[in-house]
């Protein structure tokens, strides 16, 4: 039993000492790494662990962010238009434009005057809702589905019942 433990310990030490780099030379401190090393670093950084590092980086598989995949399946970029209920009970003509760089522009006609708001928006982890943040106060939340932007209530839920359709902006 003691011999087995001793043999395993020695084997572990030997394997730990072998890192596979014994035949490679390290560049000197005053030398820059070669260009091929920098080019080959890209596949490793993107998760490519293929043994042939001389392949062009364009053929290497790239990791796709799950959120990016979910949002790319939606046709979300563009302008959405409709009337939303206002605080005073009057409908507010609203147009929201969502841009590819995750910025937005909202134009609302309130009492005959146009009010323009700009800011950034962020997707929820599920990729089905977004928060419009103009940097002034609490961000507004919207769900997006089938060419429709749906304003959510303060708790982040869809309005249900007879008034639900009044909270929808349709893509033009």
C-alpha atoms as a PDB file:
ATOM      1  CA  UNK A   1       0.000   0.000   0.000  1.00  0.00           C
ATOM      2  CA  UNK A   2       2.795   2.423   0.895  1.00  0.00           C
ATOM      3  CA  UNK A   3       4.564   1.573  -2.370  1.00  0.00           C
ATOM      4  CA  UNK A   4       1.392   2.385  -4.357  1.00  0.00           C
ATOM      5  CA  UNK A   5       0.998   5.747  -2.668  1.00  0.00           C
ATOM      6  CA  UNK A   6       4.692   6.501  -3.153  1.00  0.00           C
ATOM      7  CA  UNK A   7       4.521   5.514  -6.832  1.00  0.00           C
ATOM      8  CA  UNK A   8       1.428   7.688  -7.406  1.00  0.00           C
ATOM      9  CA  UNK A   9       3.085  10.621  -5.643  1.00  0.00           C
ATOM     10  CA  UNK A  10       6.230  10.315  -7.775  1.00  0.00           C
ATOM     11  CA  UNK A  11       4.150   9.998 -10.946  1.00  0.00           C
ATOM     12  CA  UNK A  12       2.127  13.087 -10.000  1.00  0.00           C
ATOM     13  CA  UNK A  13       5.298  15.121  -9.425  1.00  0.00           C
ATOM     14  CA  UNK A  14       6.754  13.987 -12.756  1.00  0.00           C
ATOM     15  CA  UNK A  15       3.567  14.784 -14.686  1.00  0.00           C
ATOM     16  CA  UNK A  16       3.215  18.153 -12.984  1.00  0.00           C
ATOM     17  CA  UNK A  17       6.763  19.031 -14.001  1.00  0.00           C
ATOM     18  CA  UNK A  18       6.083  18.190 -17.653  1.00  0.00           C
ATOM     19  CA  UNK A  19       4.167  21.115 -19.100  1.00  0.00           C
ATOM     20  CA  UNK A  20       4.920  20.308 -22.724  1.00  0.00           C
ATOM     21  CA  UNK A  21       7.063  23.412 -23.246  1.00  0.00           C
ATOM     22  CA  UNK A  22      10.445  21.872 -22.504  1.00  0.00           C
ATOM     23  CA  UNK A  23      11.506  21.958 -26.183  1.00  0.00           C
ATOM     24  CA  UNK A  24      10.366  25.564 -26.753  1.00  0.00           C
ATOM     25  CA  UNK A  25      12.545  28.536 -26.066  1.00  0.00           C
ATOM     26  CA  UNK A  26      11.129  31.627 -24.437  1.00  0.00           C
ATOM     27  CA  UNK A  27      11.728  34.920 -26.228  1.00  0.00           C
ATOM     28  CA  UNK A  28      14.165  37.232 -24.540  1.00  0.00           C
ATOM     29  CA  UNK A  29      12.714  40.199 -22.679  1.00  0.00           C
ATOM     30  CA  UNK A  30      13.934  42.657 -25.335  1.00  0.00           C
ATOM     31  CA  UNK A  31      12.475  40.663 -28.265  1.00  0.00           C
ATOM     32  CA  UNK A  32       8.930  41.005 -29.575  1.00  0.00           C
ATOM     33  CA  UNK A  33       6.964  37.813 -30.253  1.00  0.00           C
ATOM     34  CA  UNK A  34       6.824  36.894 -33.910  1.00  0.00           C
ATOM     35  CA  UNK A  35       3.834  37.868 -36.045  1.00  0.00           C
ATOM     36  CA  UNK A  36       2.742  34.258 -36.422  1.00  0.00           C
ATOM     37  CA  UNK A  37       2.371  33.948 -32.675  1.00  0.00           C
ATOM     38  CA  UNK A  38       0.115  37.013 -32.613  1.00  0.00           C
ATOM     39  CA  UNK A  39      -1.963  35.726 -35.545  1.00  0.00           C
ATOM     40  CA  UNK A  40      -2.363  32.331 -33.954  1.00  0.00           C
ATOM     41  CA  UNK A  41      -3.455  33.879 -30.666  1.00  0.00           C
ATOM     42  CA  UNK A  42      -6.784  34.888 -32.202  1.00  0.00           C
ATOM     43  CA  UNK A  43      -8.227  31.356 -32.638  1.00  0.00           C
ATOM     44  CA  UNK A  44      -7.273  30.442 -29.093  1.00  0.00           C
ATOM     45  CA  UNK A  45      -8.894  33.597 -27.756  1.00  0.00           C
ATOM     46  CA  UNK A  46     -12.143  32.793 -29.554  1.00  0.00           C
ATOM     47  CA  UNK A  47     -12.316  29.291 -28.160  1.00  0.00           C
ATOM     48  CA  UNK A  48     -10.806  27.419 -31.132  1.00  0.00           C
ATOM     49  CA  UNK A  49      -8.809  24.519 -29.777  1.00  0.00           C
ATOM     50  CA  UNK A  50      -8.167  22.826 -33.103  1.00  0.00           C
ATOM     51  CA  UNK A  51      -4.693  21.291 -33.441  1.00  0.00           C
ATOM     52  CA  UNK A  52      -3.945  23.015 -36.767  1.00  0.00           C
ATOM     53  CA  UNK A  53      -3.053  26.571 -35.750  1.00  0.00           C
ATOM     54  CA  UNK A  54      -1.835  27.441 -39.248  1.00  0.00           C
ATOM     55  CA  UNK A  55      -5.380  27.623 -40.610  1.00  0.00           C
ATOM     56  CA  UNK A  56      -6.608  31.121 -41.431  1.00  0.00           C
ATOM     57  CA  UNK A  57      -8.499  32.711 -38.567  1.00  0.00           C
ATOM     58  CA  UNK A  58     -11.513  33.401 -40.794  1.00  0.00           C
ATOM     59  CA  UNK A  59     -12.318  29.686 -40.961  1.00  0.00           C
ATOM     60  CA  UNK A  60     -12.110  29.292 -37.196  1.00  0.00           C
ATOM     61  CA  UNK A  61     -15.486  28.965 -35.471  1.00  0.00           C
ATOM     62  CA  UNK A  62     -16.487  32.015 -33.479  1.00  0.00           C
ATOM     63  CA  UNK A  63     -18.380  31.988 -30.246  1.00  0.00           C
ATOM     64  CA  UNK A  64     -21.806  33.610 -30.467  1.00  0.00           C
ATOM     65  CA  UNK A  65     -23.280  35.377 -27.477  1.00  0.00           C
ATOM     66  CA  UNK A  66     -26.619  33.666 -26.711  1.00  0.00           C
ATOM     67  CA  UNK A  67     -28.292  37.063 -26.263  1.00  0.00           C
ATOM     68  CA  UNK A  68     -26.939  38.241 -29.614  1.00  0.00           C
ATOM     69  CA  UNK A  69     -28.357  35.088 -31.231  1.00  0.00           C
ATOM     70  CA  UNK A  70     -31.793  35.644 -29.664  1.00  0.00           C
ATOM     71  CA  UNK A  71     -31.975  39.303 -30.676  1.00  0.00           C
ATOM     72  CA  UNK A  72     -30.642  38.631 -34.175  1.00  0.00           C
ATOM     73  CA  UNK A  73     -33.594  36.289 -34.755  1.00  0.00           C
ATOM     74  CA  UNK A  74     -35.929  39.245 -34.159  1.00  0.00           C
ATOM     75  CA  UNK A  75     -36.464  41.950 -36.736  1.00  0.00           C
ATOM     76  CA  UNK A  76     -36.216  44.660 -34.071  1.00  0.00           C
ATOM     77  CA  UNK A  77     -34.389  47.558 -35.756  1.00  0.00           C
ATOM     78  CA  UNK A  78     -36.553  50.361 -37.084  1.00  0.00           C
ATOM     79  CA  UNK A  79     -39.392  52.669 -36.107  1.00  0.00           C
ATOM     80  CA  UNK A  80     -42.494  51.775 -34.117  1.00  0.00           C
ATOM     81  CA  UNK A  81     -45.524  54.034 -34.130  1.00  0.00           C
ATOM     82  CA  UNK A  82     -48.822  54.330 -32.273  1.00  0.00           C
ATOM     83  CA  UNK A  83     -50.672  56.085 -29.472  1.00  0.00           C
ATOM     84  CA  UNK A  84     -49.945  55.343 -25.828  1.00  0.00           C
ATOM     85  CA  UNK A  85     -52.142  56.371 -22.895  1.00  0.00           C
ATOM     86  CA  UNK A  86     -50.853  59.541 -21.242  1.00  0.00           C
ATOM     87  CA  UNK A  87     -50.840  60.457 -17.571  1.00  0.00           C
ATOM     88  CA  UNK A  88     -53.749  62.857 -18.103  1.00  0.00           C
ATOM     89  CA  UNK A  89     -55.865  60.206 -19.861  1.00  0.00           C
ATOM     90  CA  UNK A  90     -55.218  61.576 -23.344  1.00  0.00           C
ATOM     91  CA  UNK A  91     -53.465  59.435 -25.934  1.00  0.00           C
ATOM     92  CA  UNK A  92     -49.917  60.449 -26.816  1.00  0.00           C
ATOM     93  CA  UNK A  93     -48.810  59.878 -30.415  1.00  0.00           C
ATOM     94  CA  UNK A  94     -45.473  58.103 -30.038  1.00  0.00           C
ATOM     95  CA  UNK A  95     -42.725  57.019 -32.415  1.00  0.00           C
ATOM     96  CA  UNK A  96     -39.747  55.029 -31.150  1.00  0.00           C
ATOM     97  CA  UNK A  97     -36.806  54.281 -33.426  1.00  0.00           C
ATOM     98  CA  UNK A  98     -34.423  51.509 -32.338  1.00  0.00           C
ATOM     99  CA  UNK A  99     -30.959  51.690 -33.886  1.00  0.00           C
ATOM    100  CA  UNK A 100     -28.429  48.904 -34.431  1.00  0.00           C
ATOM    101  CA  UNK A 101     -25.943  50.529 -32.022  1.00  0.00           C
ATOM    102  CA  UNK A 102     -28.505  50.127 -29.204  1.00  0.00           C
ATOM    103  CA  UNK A 103     -29.534  53.774 -29.163  1.00  0.00           C
ATOM    104  CA  UNK A 104     -33.081  55.018 -29.524  1.00  0.00           C
ATOM    105  CA  UNK A 105     -35.019  58.132 -30.390  1.00  0.00           C
ATOM    106  CA  UNK A 106     -38.527  58.665 -29.037  1.00  0.00           C
ATOM    107  CA  UNK A 107     -40.780  61.412 -30.385  1.00  0.00           C
ATOM    108  CA  UNK A 108     -44.037  62.098 -28.568  1.00  0.00           C
ATOM    109  CA  UNK A 109     -46.671  64.675 -29.417  1.00  0.00           C
ATOM    110  CA  UNK A 110     -47.960  66.115 -26.149  1.00  0.00           C
ATOM    111  CA  UNK A 111     -50.458  68.998 -26.218  1.00  0.00           C
ATOM    112  CA  UNK A 112     -49.619  69.728 -29.855  1.00  0.00           C
ATOM    113  CA  UNK A 113     -45.863  69.931 -29.206  1.00  0.00           C
ATOM    114  CA  UNK A 114     -43.214  67.401 -30.197  1.00  0.00           C
ATOM    115  CA  UNK A 115     -41.039  66.109 -27.383  1.00  0.00           C
ATOM    116  CA  UNK A 116     -37.900  64.285 -28.519  1.00  0.00           C
ATOM    117  CA  UNK A 117     -36.012  61.942 -26.212  1.00  0.00           C
ATOM    118  CA  UNK A 118     -32.783  60.095 -27.013  1.00  0.00           C
ATOM    119  CA  UNK A 119     -30.794  57.511 -25.122  1.00  0.00           C
ATOM    120  CA  UNK A 120     -29.562  53.949 -25.020  1.00  0.00           C
ATOM    121  CA  UNK A 121     -31.428  50.716 -24.549  1.00  0.00           C
ATOM    122  CA  UNK A 122     -30.449  47.367 -23.072  1.00  0.00           C
ATOM    123  CA  UNK A 123     -31.840  43.903 -23.704  1.00  0.00           C
ATOM    124  CA  UNK A 124     -33.050  41.635 -20.925  1.00  0.00           C
ATOM    125  CA  UNK A 125     -31.077  38.376 -20.552  1.00  0.00           C
ATOM    126  CA  UNK A 126     -33.937  36.531 -22.276  1.00  0.00           C
ATOM    127  CA  UNK A 127     -33.726  38.858 -25.285  1.00  0.00           C
ATOM    128  CA  UNK A 128     -37.476  39.561 -25.318  1.00  0.00           C
ATOM    129  CA  UNK A 129     -37.687  42.854 -23.438  1.00  0.00           C
ATOM    130  CA  UNK A 130     -35.658  46.020 -23.487  1.00  0.00           C
ATOM    131  CA  UNK A 131     -35.213  49.050 -21.255  1.00  0.00           C
ATOM    132  CA  UNK A 132     -35.040  52.504 -22.812  1.00  0.00           C
ATOM    133  CA  UNK A 133     -32.854  54.770 -20.695  1.00  0.00           C
ATOM    134  CA  UNK A 134     -32.591  58.460 -21.486  1.00  0.00           C
ATOM    135  CA  UNK A 135     -30.438  59.080 -18.413  1.00  0.00           C
ATOM    136  CA  UNK A 136     -33.221  61.022 -16.677  1.00  0.00           C
ATOM    137  CA  UNK A 137     -35.205  58.935 -14.263  1.00  0.00           C
ATOM    138  CA  UNK A 138     -36.401  55.366 -14.396  1.00  0.00           C
ATOM    139  CA  UNK A 139     -35.947  53.529 -17.741  1.00  0.00           C
ATOM    140  CA  UNK A 140     -39.107  52.550 -19.620  1.00  0.00           C
ATOM    141  CA  UNK A 141     -39.569  48.852 -20.328  1.00  0.00           C
ATOM    142  CA  UNK A 142     -40.942  47.362 -23.537  1.00  0.00           C
ATOM    143  CA  UNK A 143     -41.550  43.833 -24.781  1.00  0.00           C
ATOM    144  CA  UNK A 144     -40.881  43.111 -28.423  1.00  0.00           C
ATOM    145  CA  UNK A 145     -42.638  40.471 -30.484  1.00  0.00           C
ATOM    146  CA  UNK A 146     -43.760  40.065 -34.084  1.00  0.00           C
ATOM    147  CA  UNK A 147     -43.129  43.649 -35.241  1.00  0.00           C
ATOM    148  CA  UNK A 148     -44.764  45.129 -32.159  1.00  0.00           C
ATOM    149  CA  UNK A 149     -43.222  47.082 -29.299  1.00  0.00           C
ATOM    150  CA  UNK A 150     -45.379  46.703 -26.179  1.00  0.00           C
ATOM    151  CA  UNK A 151     -45.047  49.165 -23.309  1.00  0.00           C
ATOM    152  CA  UNK A 152     -44.838  47.330 -19.980  1.00  0.00           C
ATOM    153  CA  UNK A 153     -46.187  48.525 -16.641  1.00  0.00           C
ATOM    154  CA  UNK A 154     -43.985  49.693 -13.764  1.00  0.00           C
ATOM    155  CA  UNK A 155     -43.485  46.096 -12.578  1.00  0.00           C
ATOM    156  CA  UNK A 156     -42.315  44.975 -16.047  1.00  0.00           C
ATOM    157  CA  UNK A 157     -45.536  43.138 -16.935  1.00  0.00           C
ATOM    158  CA  UNK A 158     -47.755  43.421 -20.004  1.00  0.00           C
ATOM    159  CA  UNK A 159     -51.035  45.226 -19.497  1.00  0.00           C
ATOM    160  CA  UNK A 160     -53.876  42.748 -19.905  1.00  0.00           C
ATOM    161  CA  UNK A 161     -57.557  43.063 -20.625  1.00  0.00           C
ATOM    162  CA  UNK A 162     -59.404  45.504 -22.844  1.00  0.00           C
ATOM    163  CA  UNK A 163     -56.675  48.152 -22.647  1.00  0.00           C
ATOM    164  CA  UNK A 164     -53.795  45.876 -23.730  1.00  0.00           C
ATOM    165  CA  UNK A 165     -53.885  46.986 -27.372  1.00  0.00           C
ATOM    166  CA  UNK A 166     -53.531  50.639 -26.302  1.00  0.00           C
ATOM    167  CA  UNK A 167     -49.950  49.901 -25.164  1.00  0.00           C
ATOM    168  CA  UNK A 168     -48.727  48.637 -28.540  1.00  0.00           C
ATOM    169  CA  UNK A 169     -46.533  50.417 -31.076  1.00  0.00           C
ATOM    170  CA  UNK A 170     -46.376  48.804 -34.509  1.00  0.00           C
ATOM    171  CA  UNK A 171     -43.377  48.721 -36.792  1.00  0.00           C
ATOM    172  CA  UNK A 172     -43.748  50.901 -39.846  1.00  0.00           C
END
